[in-house]
Amino acid sequence: MSSPVLPIILGSRSPRRHELLLTLVNPERVEVVPPRSSEEAGFDGLSTLDAIRQQLRSIARAKCDDVLDQLSKRNSRFLAVITADTVIVGFEEDGLPVVLGQPPESDDWQTTVRDWFTRYYFDREHLAVTAVCIDTPCGQAAHRVIESNVVFDGNAKKWLDWYLSTGEPLGKAGGYGIQGAGGVFVSRVEGSIANVVGLPLNAVLETFAELGVDIGGCCA
């Protein structure tokens, strides 16, 4: 009698992370178990990239601990739990990093996003930073922080009013979706494009291998 195929648990509410993980793992082997709370630690007062990276690690770790606790209480069997957190980091003129979260849920959100684009994006480099945490039932764990450099084309400023009218920036870290209409602004990405979307696939594969997690064949 063959052993049951255990699932990979994705601890996330993000449909984009789910879609990305399904490019690596057969959909029948992926189960989504979001953290119980959507509240997360913020980045106020953090003035260095190292501090931002550490906070991201802590957020991904907290998500993973929450999901592991849920699975333990259910006596659920699983192959691995994966959680992640992504932020967009812009830079002030003096080089200080600024974490750009999701646009505010208010009527003037377009003003905020417009400021981000003109102040931090056009003709400048910004970072997409993702912390990934993967745990196994035997207590093995691995953490990765992956960064991608993104540059927006200043000549695409003419499309900003149109982009704001689409409403796409809402709910997106940094106020844009590279996988959607926001891709019209991008002139260069150094590093993983999937990381900008929310899950660095190469790093996830490497971490699975490091932990001995057999995900089987990739999906077509």
N, C-alpha and C. Protein backbone atom coordinates (compact mmCIF):
# COMPACT_ATOMS: atom_id res chain seq x y z
N MET A 1 0.86 -1.20 0.00
CA MET A 1 0.00 0.00 0.00
C MET A 1 0.89 1.25 0.00
N SER A 2 0.65 2.14 -0.94
CA SER A 2 1.48 3.33 -1.07
C SER A 2 1.15 4.34 0.02
N SER A 3 2.17 5.13 0.40
CA SER A 3 1.97 6.15 1.41
C SER A 3 1.18 7.32 0.83
N PRO A 4 0.36 7.99 1.65
CA PRO A 4 -0.41 9.13 1.15
C PRO A 4 0.53 10.27 0.75
N VAL A 5 0.13 11.01 -0.26
CA VAL A 5 0.91 12.16 -0.70
C VAL A 5 0.57 13.33 0.21
N LEU A 6 1.57 13.84 0.91
CA LEU A 6 1.33 14.92 1.85
C LEU A 6 1.38 16.27 1.14
N PRO A 7 0.59 17.23 1.60
CA PRO A 7 0.51 18.52 0.92
C PRO A 7 1.63 19.49 1.31
N ILE A 8 1.89 20.42 0.40
CA ILE A 8 2.66 21.62 0.70
C ILE A 8 1.66 22.67 1.17
N ILE A 9 1.89 23.22 2.34
CA ILE A 9 0.96 24.20 2.90
C ILE A 9 1.46 25.61 2.59
N LEU A 10 0.63 26.39 1.92
CA LEU A 10 0.95 27.79 1.66
C LEU A 10 0.22 28.65 2.67
N GLY A 11 0.98 29.32 3.53
CA GLY A 11 0.38 30.19 4.53
C GLY A 11 0.26 31.60 4.01
N SER A 12 -0.75 31.85 3.20
CA SER A 12 -0.86 33.16 2.55
C SER A 12 -2.29 33.41 2.10
N ARG A 13 -2.67 34.68 2.09
CA ARG A 13 -3.95 35.09 1.51
C ARG A 13 -3.78 35.60 0.08
N SER A 14 -2.55 35.64 -0.40
CA SER A 14 -2.26 36.25 -1.70
C SER A 14 -2.56 35.29 -2.85
N PRO A 15 -3.49 35.64 -3.74
CA PRO A 15 -3.74 34.79 -4.90
C PRO A 15 -2.53 34.74 -5.83
N ARG A 16 -1.72 35.81 -5.83
CA ARG A 16 -0.55 35.82 -6.70
C ARG A 16 0.49 34.81 -6.21
N ARG A 17 0.71 34.73 -4.90
CA ARG A 17 1.66 33.72 -4.38
C ARG A 17 1.14 32.32 -4.67
N HIS A 18 -0.15 32.14 -4.54
CA HIS A 18 -0.74 30.84 -4.82
C HIS A 18 -0.49 30.44 -6.28
N GLU A 19 -0.76 31.36 -7.18
CA GLU A 19 -0.55 31.07 -8.61
C GLU A 19 0.91 30.75 -8.89
N LEU A 20 1.84 31.49 -8.28
CA LEU A 20 3.26 31.24 -8.50
C LEU A 20 3.67 29.87 -7.96
N LEU A 21 3.20 29.53 -6.76
CA LEU A 21 3.56 28.22 -6.21
C LEU A 21 3.04 27.08 -7.08
N LEU A 22 1.90 27.28 -7.71
CA LEU A 22 1.33 26.24 -8.57
C LEU A 22 2.14 26.01 -9.83
N THR A 23 3.05 26.92 -10.17
CA THR A 23 3.95 26.68 -11.30
C THR A 23 5.06 25.70 -10.91
N LEU A 24 5.27 25.52 -9.60
CA LEU A 24 6.30 24.60 -9.12
C LEU A 24 5.73 23.28 -8.62
N VAL A 25 4.55 23.33 -8.02
CA VAL A 25 3.98 22.17 -7.34
C VAL A 25 2.62 21.86 -7.94
N ASN A 26 2.36 20.57 -8.14
CA ASN A 26 1.07 20.14 -8.67
C ASN A 26 -0.05 20.72 -7.81
N PRO A 27 -1.07 21.32 -8.43
CA PRO A 27 -2.15 21.92 -7.65
C PRO A 27 -2.79 20.97 -6.63
N GLU A 28 -2.80 19.68 -6.94
CA GLU A 28 -3.41 18.72 -6.02
C GLU A 28 -2.59 18.55 -4.74
N ARG A 29 -1.34 19.05 -4.77
CA ARG A 29 -0.48 18.90 -3.60
C ARG A 29 -0.34 20.20 -2.81
N VAL A 30 -1.06 21.23 -3.20
CA VAL A 30 -0.98 22.52 -2.51
C VAL A 30 -2.26 22.77 -1.72
N GLU A 31 -2.09 23.10 -0.45
CA GLU A 31 -3.22 23.46 0.41
C GLU A 31 -2.94 24.84 0.99
N VAL A 32 -3.94 25.71 0.94
CA VAL A 32 -3.79 27.07 1.45
C VAL A 32 -4.37 27.15 2.87
N VAL A 33 -3.51 27.56 3.81
CA VAL A 33 -3.93 27.77 5.20
C VAL A 33 -3.41 29.14 5.62
N PRO A 34 -4.21 30.19 5.46
CA PRO A 34 -3.72 31.53 5.79
C PRO A 34 -3.49 31.70 7.30
N PRO A 35 -2.61 32.60 7.69
CA PRO A 35 -2.50 32.96 9.10
C PRO A 35 -3.85 33.45 9.62
N ARG A 36 -4.11 33.24 10.89
CA ARG A 36 -5.42 33.59 11.44
C ARG A 36 -5.68 35.09 11.44
N SER A 37 -4.63 35.88 11.57
CA SER A 37 -4.80 37.34 11.60
C SER A 37 -4.07 37.95 10.41
N SER A 38 -4.68 38.98 9.85
CA SER A 38 -4.03 39.71 8.75
C SER A 38 -3.16 40.85 9.27
N GLU A 39 -3.19 41.07 10.58
CA GLU A 39 -2.37 42.12 11.18
C GLU A 39 -0.90 41.71 11.16
N GLU A 40 -0.03 42.63 10.75
CA GLU A 40 1.41 42.35 10.68
C GLU A 40 2.19 43.51 11.30
N ALA A 41 3.39 43.21 11.73
CA ALA A 41 4.28 44.26 12.23
C ALA A 41 4.58 45.26 11.11
N GLY A 42 4.75 46.52 11.48
CA GLY A 42 5.03 47.54 10.48
C GLY A 42 6.52 47.84 10.36
N PHE A 43 6.81 48.88 9.60
CA PHE A 43 8.21 49.24 9.33
C PHE A 43 8.53 50.66 9.77
N ASP A 44 7.65 51.25 10.54
CA ASP A 44 7.89 52.61 11.01
C ASP A 44 9.16 52.67 11.85
N GLY A 45 9.96 53.69 11.59
CA GLY A 45 11.16 53.89 12.37
C GLY A 45 12.37 53.09 11.91
N LEU A 46 12.21 52.25 10.90
CA LEU A 46 13.33 51.47 10.40
C LEU A 46 14.04 52.28 9.30
N SER A 47 15.30 52.57 9.50
CA SER A 47 16.00 53.50 8.60
C SER A 47 17.14 52.85 7.83
N THR A 48 17.28 51.53 7.94
CA THR A 48 18.33 50.83 7.19
C THR A 48 17.74 49.61 6.49
N LEU A 49 18.38 49.21 5.40
CA LEU A 49 17.93 48.00 4.70
C LEU A 49 18.04 46.77 5.59
N ASP A 50 19.09 46.69 6.38
CA ASP A 50 19.26 45.53 7.26
C ASP A 50 18.09 45.42 8.24
N ALA A 51 17.65 46.54 8.78
CA ALA A 51 16.52 46.52 9.71
C ALA A 51 15.24 46.09 9.00
N ILE A 52 15.07 46.55 7.75
CA ILE A 52 13.89 46.16 6.97
C ILE A 52 13.93 44.67 6.66
N ARG A 53 15.10 44.17 6.29
CA ARG A 53 15.24 42.73 6.02
C ARG A 53 14.89 41.91 7.26
N GLN A 54 15.40 42.33 8.41
CA GLN A 54 15.15 41.60 9.64
C GLN A 54 13.67 41.61 10.00
N GLN A 55 13.02 42.74 9.78
CA GLN A 55 11.58 42.81 10.05
C GLN A 55 10.81 41.89 9.13
N LEU A 56 11.20 41.83 7.87
CA LEU A 56 10.56 40.91 6.93
C LEU A 56 10.72 39.46 7.37
N ARG A 57 11.93 39.10 7.80
CA ARG A 57 12.16 37.74 8.31
C ARG A 57 11.22 37.44 9.49
N SER A 58 11.10 38.41 10.37
CA SER A 58 10.25 38.22 11.55
C SER A 58 8.79 38.04 11.16
N ILE A 59 8.33 38.80 10.17
CA ILE A 59 6.94 38.69 9.72
C ILE A 59 6.69 37.32 9.10
N ALA A 60 7.60 36.90 8.20
CA ALA A 60 7.44 35.58 7.56
C ALA A 60 7.49 34.47 8.60
N ARG A 61 8.38 34.61 9.60
CA ARG A 61 8.49 33.61 10.67
C ARG A 61 7.21 33.55 11.50
N ALA A 62 6.65 34.72 11.83
CA ALA A 62 5.42 34.76 12.62
C ALA A 62 4.26 34.12 11.86
N LYS A 63 4.19 34.37 10.55
CA LYS A 63 3.15 33.73 9.74
C LYS A 63 3.31 32.21 9.79
N CYS A 64 4.54 31.75 9.65
CA CYS A 64 4.79 30.31 9.63
C CYS A 64 4.42 29.68 10.98
N ASP A 65 4.79 30.34 12.08
CA ASP A 65 4.47 29.82 13.41
C ASP A 65 2.95 29.73 13.60
N ASP A 66 2.23 30.72 13.10
CA ASP A 66 0.77 30.71 13.21
C ASP A 66 0.18 29.52 12.46
N VAL A 67 0.64 29.30 11.22
CA VAL A 67 0.11 28.20 10.42
C VAL A 67 0.49 26.86 11.04
N LEU A 68 1.72 26.72 11.52
CA LEU A 68 2.14 25.48 12.17
C LEU A 68 1.27 25.18 13.38
N ASP A 69 0.92 26.20 14.14
CA ASP A 69 0.05 26.01 15.30
C ASP A 69 -1.33 25.53 14.87
N GLN A 70 -1.86 26.10 13.80
CA GLN A 70 -3.16 25.65 13.30
C GLN A 70 -3.11 24.18 12.88
N LEU A 71 -2.05 23.80 12.18
CA LEU A 71 -1.93 22.43 11.71
C LEU A 71 -1.76 21.46 12.88
N SER A 72 -1.02 21.89 13.89
CA SER A 72 -0.82 21.05 15.07
C SER A 72 -2.14 20.78 15.78
N LYS A 73 -2.97 21.81 15.91
CA LYS A 73 -4.25 21.65 16.59
C LYS A 73 -5.20 20.77 15.80
N ARG A 74 -4.99 20.68 14.50
CA ARG A 74 -5.84 19.82 13.65
C ARG A 74 -5.25 18.42 13.49
N ASN A 75 -4.05 18.24 14.03
CA ASN A 75 -3.31 16.98 13.81
C ASN A 75 -3.12 16.70 12.32
N SER A 76 -2.88 17.77 11.55
CA SER A 76 -2.73 17.64 10.10
C SER A 76 -1.32 17.18 9.76
N ARG A 77 -1.22 16.34 8.77
CA ARG A 77 0.07 15.91 8.26
C ARG A 77 0.39 16.73 7.01
N PHE A 78 1.66 17.07 6.84
CA PHE A 78 2.04 17.89 5.70
C PHE A 78 3.52 17.66 5.40
N LEU A 79 3.91 18.09 4.21
CA LEU A 79 5.29 17.94 3.78
C LEU A 79 6.13 19.16 4.16
N ALA A 80 5.55 20.34 4.02
CA ALA A 80 6.24 21.58 4.35
C ALA A 80 5.24 22.71 4.42
N VAL A 81 5.61 23.74 5.17
CA VAL A 81 4.83 24.99 5.23
C VAL A 81 5.70 26.10 4.65
N ILE A 82 5.12 26.90 3.79
CA ILE A 82 5.85 28.03 3.21
C ILE A 82 5.07 29.31 3.43
N THR A 83 5.75 30.32 3.94
CA THR A 83 5.16 31.65 4.10
C THR A 83 6.13 32.68 3.53
N ALA A 84 5.61 33.86 3.25
CA ALA A 84 6.46 34.91 2.67
C ALA A 84 5.86 36.27 2.95
N ASP A 85 6.69 37.29 2.84
CA ASP A 85 6.22 38.66 2.94
C ASP A 85 7.07 39.50 1.99
N THR A 86 6.43 40.39 1.25
CA THR A 86 7.11 41.21 0.24
C THR A 86 6.84 42.68 0.48
N VAL A 87 7.87 43.48 0.35
CA VAL A 87 7.70 44.94 0.40
C VAL A 87 8.45 45.57 -0.77
N ILE A 88 8.02 46.76 -1.13
CA ILE A 88 8.72 47.59 -2.10
C ILE A 88 9.46 48.68 -1.31
N VAL A 89 10.72 48.85 -1.63
CA VAL A 89 11.55 49.83 -0.93
C VAL A 89 12.04 50.89 -1.91
N GLY A 90 11.65 52.13 -1.68
CA GLY A 90 12.17 53.25 -2.44
C GLY A 90 13.28 53.93 -1.66
N PHE A 91 13.92 54.90 -2.30
CA PHE A 91 15.05 55.57 -1.64
C PHE A 91 14.91 57.08 -1.76
N GLU A 92 15.11 57.74 -0.62
CA GLU A 92 15.10 59.20 -0.61
C GLU A 92 16.36 59.71 -1.30
N GLU A 93 16.41 61.01 -1.54
CA GLU A 93 17.56 61.61 -2.19
C GLU A 93 18.85 61.39 -1.40
N ASP A 94 18.73 61.28 -0.07
CA ASP A 94 19.90 61.05 0.76
C ASP A 94 20.25 59.57 0.92
N GLY A 95 19.50 58.71 0.19
CA GLY A 95 19.80 57.29 0.21
C GLY A 95 19.06 56.49 1.26
N LEU A 96 18.30 57.14 2.13
CA LEU A 96 17.57 56.41 3.16
C LEU A 96 16.42 55.61 2.54
N PRO A 97 16.26 54.34 2.96
CA PRO A 97 15.20 53.51 2.39
C PRO A 97 13.84 53.85 2.99
N VAL A 98 12.82 53.69 2.17
CA VAL A 98 11.44 53.94 2.61
C VAL A 98 10.59 52.75 2.15
N VAL A 99 9.93 52.08 3.09
CA VAL A 99 9.05 50.97 2.73
C VAL A 99 7.72 51.53 2.24
N LEU A 100 7.34 51.14 1.03
CA LEU A 100 6.09 51.58 0.42
C LEU A 100 5.11 50.41 0.46
N GLY A 101 4.13 50.51 1.34
CA GLY A 101 3.18 49.42 1.51
C GLY A 101 2.06 49.50 0.50
N GLN A 102 0.89 49.04 0.89
CA GLN A 102 -0.27 49.15 0.02
C GLN A 102 -0.84 50.55 0.11
N PRO A 103 -1.42 51.06 -0.97
CA PRO A 103 -2.03 52.39 -0.92
C PRO A 103 -3.10 52.46 0.16
N PRO A 104 -3.31 53.63 0.73
CA PRO A 104 -4.32 53.77 1.78
C PRO A 104 -5.72 53.49 1.24
N GLU A 105 -6.57 52.96 2.11
CA GLU A 105 -7.95 52.69 1.71
C GLU A 105 -8.80 53.94 1.96
N SER A 106 -8.51 54.95 1.18
CA SER A 106 -9.23 56.22 1.30
C SER A 106 -9.42 56.80 -0.09
N ASP A 107 -10.25 57.82 -0.18
CA ASP A 107 -10.57 58.39 -1.48
C ASP A 107 -9.38 59.05 -2.16
N ASP A 108 -8.35 59.43 -1.38
CA ASP A 108 -7.19 60.10 -1.97
C ASP A 108 -6.01 59.17 -2.20
N TRP A 109 -6.28 57.86 -2.35
CA TRP A 109 -5.20 56.90 -2.56
C TRP A 109 -4.40 57.22 -3.81
N GLN A 110 -5.06 57.78 -4.84
CA GLN A 110 -4.36 58.10 -6.08
C GLN A 110 -3.26 59.14 -5.85
N THR A 111 -3.50 60.07 -4.94
CA THR A 111 -2.48 61.08 -4.63
C THR A 111 -1.24 60.42 -4.05
N THR A 112 -1.45 59.45 -3.16
CA THR A 112 -0.32 58.74 -2.55
C THR A 112 0.46 57.97 -3.59
N VAL A 113 -0.22 57.23 -4.45
CA VAL A 113 0.47 56.42 -5.46
C VAL A 113 1.18 57.31 -6.46
N ARG A 114 0.57 58.41 -6.85
CA ARG A 114 1.21 59.35 -7.77
C ARG A 114 2.53 59.86 -7.18
N ASP A 115 2.51 60.16 -5.88
CA ASP A 115 3.72 60.64 -5.21
C ASP A 115 4.80 59.55 -5.21
N TRP A 116 4.41 58.31 -4.96
CA TRP A 116 5.39 57.22 -4.99
C TRP A 116 6.03 57.10 -6.37
N PHE A 117 5.23 57.13 -7.40
CA PHE A 117 5.76 56.98 -8.76
C PHE A 117 6.73 58.11 -9.10
N THR A 118 6.34 59.34 -8.81
CA THR A 118 7.17 60.47 -9.21
C THR A 118 8.39 60.64 -8.30
N ARG A 119 8.24 60.26 -7.04
CA ARG A 119 9.32 60.49 -6.07
C ARG A 119 10.31 59.34 -6.00
N TYR A 120 9.82 58.09 -6.18
CA TYR A 120 10.67 56.94 -5.94
C TYR A 120 10.89 56.02 -7.15
N TYR A 121 10.06 56.14 -8.18
CA TYR A 121 10.10 55.14 -9.25
C TYR A 121 10.69 55.63 -10.57
N PHE A 122 10.11 56.67 -11.15
CA PHE A 122 10.50 57.05 -12.51
C PHE A 122 11.97 57.44 -12.57
N ASP A 123 12.67 56.80 -13.50
CA ASP A 123 14.10 57.05 -13.74
C ASP A 123 14.97 56.74 -12.53
N ARG A 124 14.45 55.95 -11.61
CA ARG A 124 15.21 55.60 -10.41
C ARG A 124 15.06 54.10 -10.14
N GLU A 125 15.97 53.59 -9.34
CA GLU A 125 15.94 52.18 -8.96
C GLU A 125 15.25 52.02 -7.61
N HIS A 126 14.39 51.02 -7.52
CA HIS A 126 13.83 50.65 -6.23
C HIS A 126 13.95 49.14 -6.06
N LEU A 127 13.67 48.65 -4.88
CA LEU A 127 13.84 47.25 -4.57
C LEU A 127 12.51 46.57 -4.25
N ALA A 128 12.36 45.34 -4.72
CA ALA A 128 11.33 44.43 -4.23
C ALA A 128 12.05 43.42 -3.34
N VAL A 129 11.64 43.34 -2.09
CA VAL A 129 12.32 42.49 -1.11
C VAL A 129 11.32 41.50 -0.55
N THR A 130 11.65 40.21 -0.63
CA THR A 130 10.77 39.16 -0.12
C THR A 130 11.52 38.29 0.87
N ALA A 131 10.89 38.06 2.02
CA ALA A 131 11.40 37.07 2.98
C ALA A 131 10.56 35.81 2.84
N VAL A 132 11.23 34.68 2.72
CA VAL A 132 10.57 33.38 2.60
C VAL A 132 10.96 32.52 3.79
N CYS A 133 9.97 31.86 4.37
CA CYS A 133 10.21 30.93 5.48
C CYS A 133 9.59 29.59 5.12
N ILE A 134 10.37 28.53 5.20
CA ILE A 134 9.88 27.17 4.93
C ILE A 134 10.22 26.27 6.11
N ASP A 135 9.22 25.60 6.65
CA ASP A 135 9.39 24.67 7.77
C ASP A 135 8.91 23.28 7.37
N THR A 136 9.52 22.25 7.97
CA THR A 136 9.09 20.88 7.77
C THR A 136 8.60 20.31 9.09
N PRO A 137 7.83 19.21 9.07
CA PRO A 137 7.30 18.63 10.30
C PRO A 137 8.38 18.17 11.28
N CYS A 138 9.56 17.85 10.79
CA CYS A 138 10.63 17.37 11.68
C CYS A 138 11.40 18.52 12.33
N GLY A 139 10.96 19.75 12.10
CA GLY A 139 11.58 20.88 12.77
C GLY A 139 12.66 21.59 11.99
N GLN A 140 12.94 21.13 10.77
CA GLN A 140 13.91 21.84 9.93
C GLN A 140 13.27 23.12 9.40
N ALA A 141 14.05 24.17 9.34
CA ALA A 141 13.53 25.44 8.84
C ALA A 141 14.61 26.17 8.06
N ALA A 142 14.19 26.96 7.10
CA ALA A 142 15.12 27.77 6.31
C ALA A 142 14.47 29.10 6.01
N HIS A 143 15.28 30.15 6.01
CA HIS A 143 14.81 31.50 5.72
C HIS A 143 15.66 32.10 4.62
N ARG A 144 15.03 32.77 3.71
CA ARG A 144 15.74 33.48 2.64
C ARG A 144 15.17 34.88 2.51
N VAL A 145 16.03 35.84 2.22
CA VAL A 145 15.58 37.18 1.86
C VAL A 145 16.12 37.46 0.46
N ILE A 146 15.22 37.68 -0.47
CA ILE A 146 15.58 37.86 -1.88
C ILE A 146 15.24 39.27 -2.31
N GLU A 147 16.15 39.89 -3.06
CA GLU A 147 15.94 41.26 -3.53
C GLU A 147 16.04 41.34 -5.05
N SER A 148 15.15 42.12 -5.63
CA SER A 148 15.19 42.41 -7.06
C SER A 148 15.24 43.91 -7.26
N ASN A 149 16.11 44.36 -8.15
CA ASN A 149 16.20 45.78 -8.49
C ASN A 149 15.27 46.09 -9.65
N VAL A 150 14.46 47.10 -9.49
CA VAL A 150 13.47 47.46 -10.52
C VAL A 150 13.67 48.92 -10.91
N VAL A 151 13.63 49.18 -12.23
CA VAL A 151 13.74 50.55 -12.74
C VAL A 151 12.55 50.85 -13.62
N PHE A 152 11.91 51.99 -13.39
CA PHE A 152 10.80 52.44 -14.22
C PHE A 152 11.31 53.41 -15.28
N ASP A 153 10.74 53.34 -16.45
CA ASP A 153 11.08 54.22 -17.56
C ASP A 153 10.43 55.59 -17.38
N GLY A 154 11.23 56.62 -17.30
CA GLY A 154 10.69 57.97 -17.14
C GLY A 154 9.80 58.40 -18.29
N ASN A 155 10.02 57.82 -19.47
CA ASN A 155 9.19 58.17 -20.63
C ASN A 155 7.76 57.65 -20.50
N ALA A 156 7.54 56.74 -19.52
CA ALA A 156 6.21 56.17 -19.33
C ALA A 156 5.34 57.00 -18.39
N LYS A 157 5.85 58.17 -17.98
CA LYS A 157 5.07 59.03 -17.09
C LYS A 157 3.71 59.38 -17.70
N LYS A 158 3.65 59.43 -19.01
CA LYS A 158 2.40 59.80 -19.69
C LYS A 158 1.28 58.81 -19.44
N TRP A 159 1.62 57.60 -18.97
CA TRP A 159 0.61 56.58 -18.74
C TRP A 159 0.11 56.57 -17.29
N LEU A 160 0.64 57.43 -16.44
CA LEU A 160 0.33 57.35 -15.02
C LEU A 160 -1.15 57.64 -14.74
N ASP A 161 -1.72 58.67 -15.36
CA ASP A 161 -3.14 58.97 -15.13
C ASP A 161 -4.00 57.78 -15.53
N TRP A 162 -3.69 57.20 -16.68
CA TRP A 162 -4.44 56.02 -17.13
C TRP A 162 -4.32 54.88 -16.13
N TYR A 163 -3.08 54.65 -15.64
CA TYR A 163 -2.87 53.54 -14.72
C TYR A 163 -3.65 53.74 -13.42
N LEU A 164 -3.64 54.94 -12.90
CA LEU A 164 -4.39 55.20 -11.69
C LEU A 164 -5.89 54.98 -11.90
N SER A 165 -6.36 55.27 -13.11
CA SER A 165 -7.79 55.10 -13.39
C SER A 165 -8.21 53.64 -13.43
N THR A 166 -7.24 52.72 -13.62
CA THR A 166 -7.58 51.29 -13.67
C THR A 166 -7.89 50.72 -12.29
N GLY A 167 -7.41 51.39 -11.25
CA GLY A 167 -7.61 50.88 -9.90
C GLY A 167 -6.68 49.75 -9.52
N GLU A 168 -5.81 49.34 -10.42
CA GLU A 168 -4.93 48.22 -10.14
C GLU A 168 -4.01 48.44 -8.93
N PRO A 169 -3.55 49.67 -8.67
CA PRO A 169 -2.63 49.85 -7.55
C PRO A 169 -3.19 49.45 -6.19
N LEU A 170 -4.52 49.46 -6.04
CA LEU A 170 -5.12 49.13 -4.76
C LEU A 170 -4.80 47.69 -4.37
N GLY A 171 -4.37 47.51 -3.14
CA GLY A 171 -4.05 46.17 -2.65
C GLY A 171 -2.71 45.64 -3.08
N LYS A 172 -1.92 46.46 -3.81
CA LYS A 172 -0.61 46.04 -4.29
C LYS A 172 0.50 46.71 -3.46
N ALA A 173 1.46 45.92 -3.03
CA ALA A 173 2.61 46.49 -2.33
C ALA A 173 3.32 47.47 -3.26
N GLY A 174 3.55 48.68 -2.80
CA GLY A 174 4.19 49.69 -3.63
C GLY A 174 3.27 50.34 -4.63
N GLY A 175 2.02 49.90 -4.69
CA GLY A 175 1.04 50.54 -5.57
C GLY A 175 1.12 50.16 -7.03
N TYR A 176 1.74 49.02 -7.35
CA TYR A 176 1.73 48.57 -8.75
C TYR A 176 1.86 47.04 -8.81
N GLY A 177 1.38 46.49 -9.92
CA GLY A 177 1.51 45.06 -10.16
C GLY A 177 2.31 44.82 -11.43
N ILE A 178 3.52 44.31 -11.28
CA ILE A 178 4.38 44.11 -12.45
C ILE A 178 3.80 43.06 -13.38
N GLN A 179 3.00 42.14 -12.83
CA GLN A 179 2.41 41.08 -13.63
C GLN A 179 1.16 41.55 -14.37
N GLY A 180 0.74 42.78 -14.08
CA GLY A 180 -0.46 43.32 -14.72
C GLY A 180 -0.14 44.56 -15.53
N ALA A 181 -1.06 45.51 -15.51
CA ALA A 181 -0.88 46.73 -16.30
C ALA A 181 0.33 47.53 -15.83
N GLY A 182 0.72 47.37 -14.56
CA GLY A 182 1.88 48.09 -14.05
C GLY A 182 3.17 47.74 -14.77
N GLY A 183 3.18 46.63 -15.48
CA GLY A 183 4.37 46.23 -16.23
C GLY A 183 4.75 47.20 -17.34
N VAL A 184 3.82 48.08 -17.74
CA VAL A 184 4.12 49.02 -18.82
C VAL A 184 5.19 50.03 -18.39
N PHE A 185 5.38 50.20 -17.09
CA PHE A 185 6.34 51.19 -16.61
C PHE A 185 7.76 50.64 -16.47
N VAL A 186 7.89 49.34 -16.44
CA VAL A 186 9.17 48.71 -16.07
C VAL A 186 10.11 48.66 -17.27
N SER A 187 11.29 49.24 -17.11
CA SER A 187 12.29 49.18 -18.17
C SER A 187 13.36 48.14 -17.88
N ARG A 188 13.54 47.78 -16.60
CA ARG A 188 14.59 46.80 -16.27
C ARG A 188 14.33 46.17 -14.90
N VAL A 189 14.56 44.87 -14.84
CA VAL A 189 14.53 44.15 -13.57
C VAL A 189 15.82 43.36 -13.46
N GLU A 190 16.56 43.57 -12.40
CA GLU A 190 17.75 42.79 -12.12
C GLU A 190 17.43 41.84 -10.98
N GLY A 191 17.37 40.55 -11.30
CA GLY A 191 16.97 39.57 -10.31
C GLY A 191 15.67 38.90 -10.72
N SER A 192 15.01 38.29 -9.77
CA SER A 192 13.80 37.51 -10.04
C SER A 192 12.58 38.40 -10.25
N ILE A 193 11.93 38.25 -11.41
CA ILE A 193 10.67 38.96 -11.65
C ILE A 193 9.58 38.38 -10.76
N ALA A 194 9.60 37.05 -10.56
CA ALA A 194 8.61 36.42 -9.68
C ALA A 194 8.70 36.99 -8.26
N ASN A 195 9.89 37.36 -7.86
CA ASN A 195 10.08 37.97 -6.55
C ASN A 195 9.32 39.28 -6.43
N VAL A 196 9.30 40.06 -7.52
CA VAL A 196 8.56 41.32 -7.51
C VAL A 196 7.07 41.05 -7.36
N VAL A 197 6.61 39.95 -7.94
CA VAL A 197 5.19 39.58 -7.83
C VAL A 197 4.87 39.12 -6.42
N GLY A 198 5.83 38.43 -5.77
CA GLY A 198 5.58 38.03 -4.39
C GLY A 198 6.15 36.71 -3.94
N LEU A 199 6.80 35.94 -4.85
CA LEU A 199 7.39 34.66 -4.43
C LEU A 199 8.56 34.33 -5.36
N PRO A 200 9.79 34.41 -4.85
CA PRO A 200 10.97 34.14 -5.69
C PRO A 200 11.11 32.65 -5.96
N LEU A 201 10.71 32.21 -7.13
CA LEU A 201 10.57 30.78 -7.41
C LEU A 201 11.90 30.03 -7.33
N ASN A 202 12.96 30.61 -7.85
CA ASN A 202 14.25 29.93 -7.82
C ASN A 202 14.69 29.69 -6.38
N ALA A 203 14.53 30.69 -5.53
CA ALA A 203 14.91 30.56 -4.13
C ALA A 203 14.05 29.52 -3.42
N VAL A 204 12.77 29.46 -3.79
CA VAL A 204 11.88 28.46 -3.18
C VAL A 204 12.33 27.05 -3.55
N LEU A 205 12.64 26.85 -4.84
CA LEU A 205 13.12 25.53 -5.28
C LEU A 205 14.41 25.15 -4.56
N GLU A 206 15.33 26.10 -4.47
CA GLU A 206 16.60 25.83 -3.79
C GLU A 206 16.39 25.48 -2.32
N THR A 207 15.46 26.16 -1.68
CA THR A 207 15.20 25.92 -0.27
C THR A 207 14.52 24.57 -0.05
N PHE A 208 13.59 24.22 -0.92
CA PHE A 208 12.99 22.90 -0.85
C PHE A 208 14.08 21.82 -0.94
N ALA A 209 14.99 21.99 -1.90
CA ALA A 209 16.08 21.01 -2.08
C ALA A 209 16.97 20.96 -0.85
N GLU A 210 17.28 22.13 -0.29
CA GLU A 210 18.13 22.22 0.90
C GLU A 210 17.52 21.44 2.07
N LEU A 211 16.19 21.49 2.19
CA LEU A 211 15.50 20.84 3.29
C LEU A 211 15.12 19.40 2.97
N GLY A 212 15.40 18.96 1.75
CA GLY A 212 15.03 17.60 1.36
C GLY A 212 13.55 17.42 1.10
N VAL A 213 12.87 18.49 0.74
CA VAL A 213 11.44 18.43 0.45
C VAL A 213 11.24 18.02 -1.01
N ASP A 214 10.68 16.86 -1.24
CA ASP A 214 10.48 16.33 -2.59
C ASP A 214 9.13 16.80 -3.10
N ILE A 215 9.15 17.76 -4.02
CA ILE A 215 7.89 18.28 -4.54
C ILE A 215 7.49 17.56 -5.83
N GLY A 216 8.29 16.58 -6.28
CA GLY A 216 7.95 15.85 -7.48
C GLY A 216 8.18 16.68 -8.72
N GLY A 217 7.58 16.27 -9.81
CA GLY A 217 7.75 16.98 -11.08
C GLY A 217 7.06 18.32 -11.08
N CYS A 218 7.62 19.27 -11.80
CA CYS A 218 7.02 20.58 -11.92
C CYS A 218 5.76 20.48 -12.79
N CYS A 219 4.88 21.43 -12.60
CA CYS A 219 3.66 21.45 -13.41
C CYS A 219 3.99 21.92 -14.83
N ALA A 220 3.16 21.47 -15.78
CA ALA A 220 3.34 21.88 -17.17
C ALA A 220 2.80 23.30 -17.34
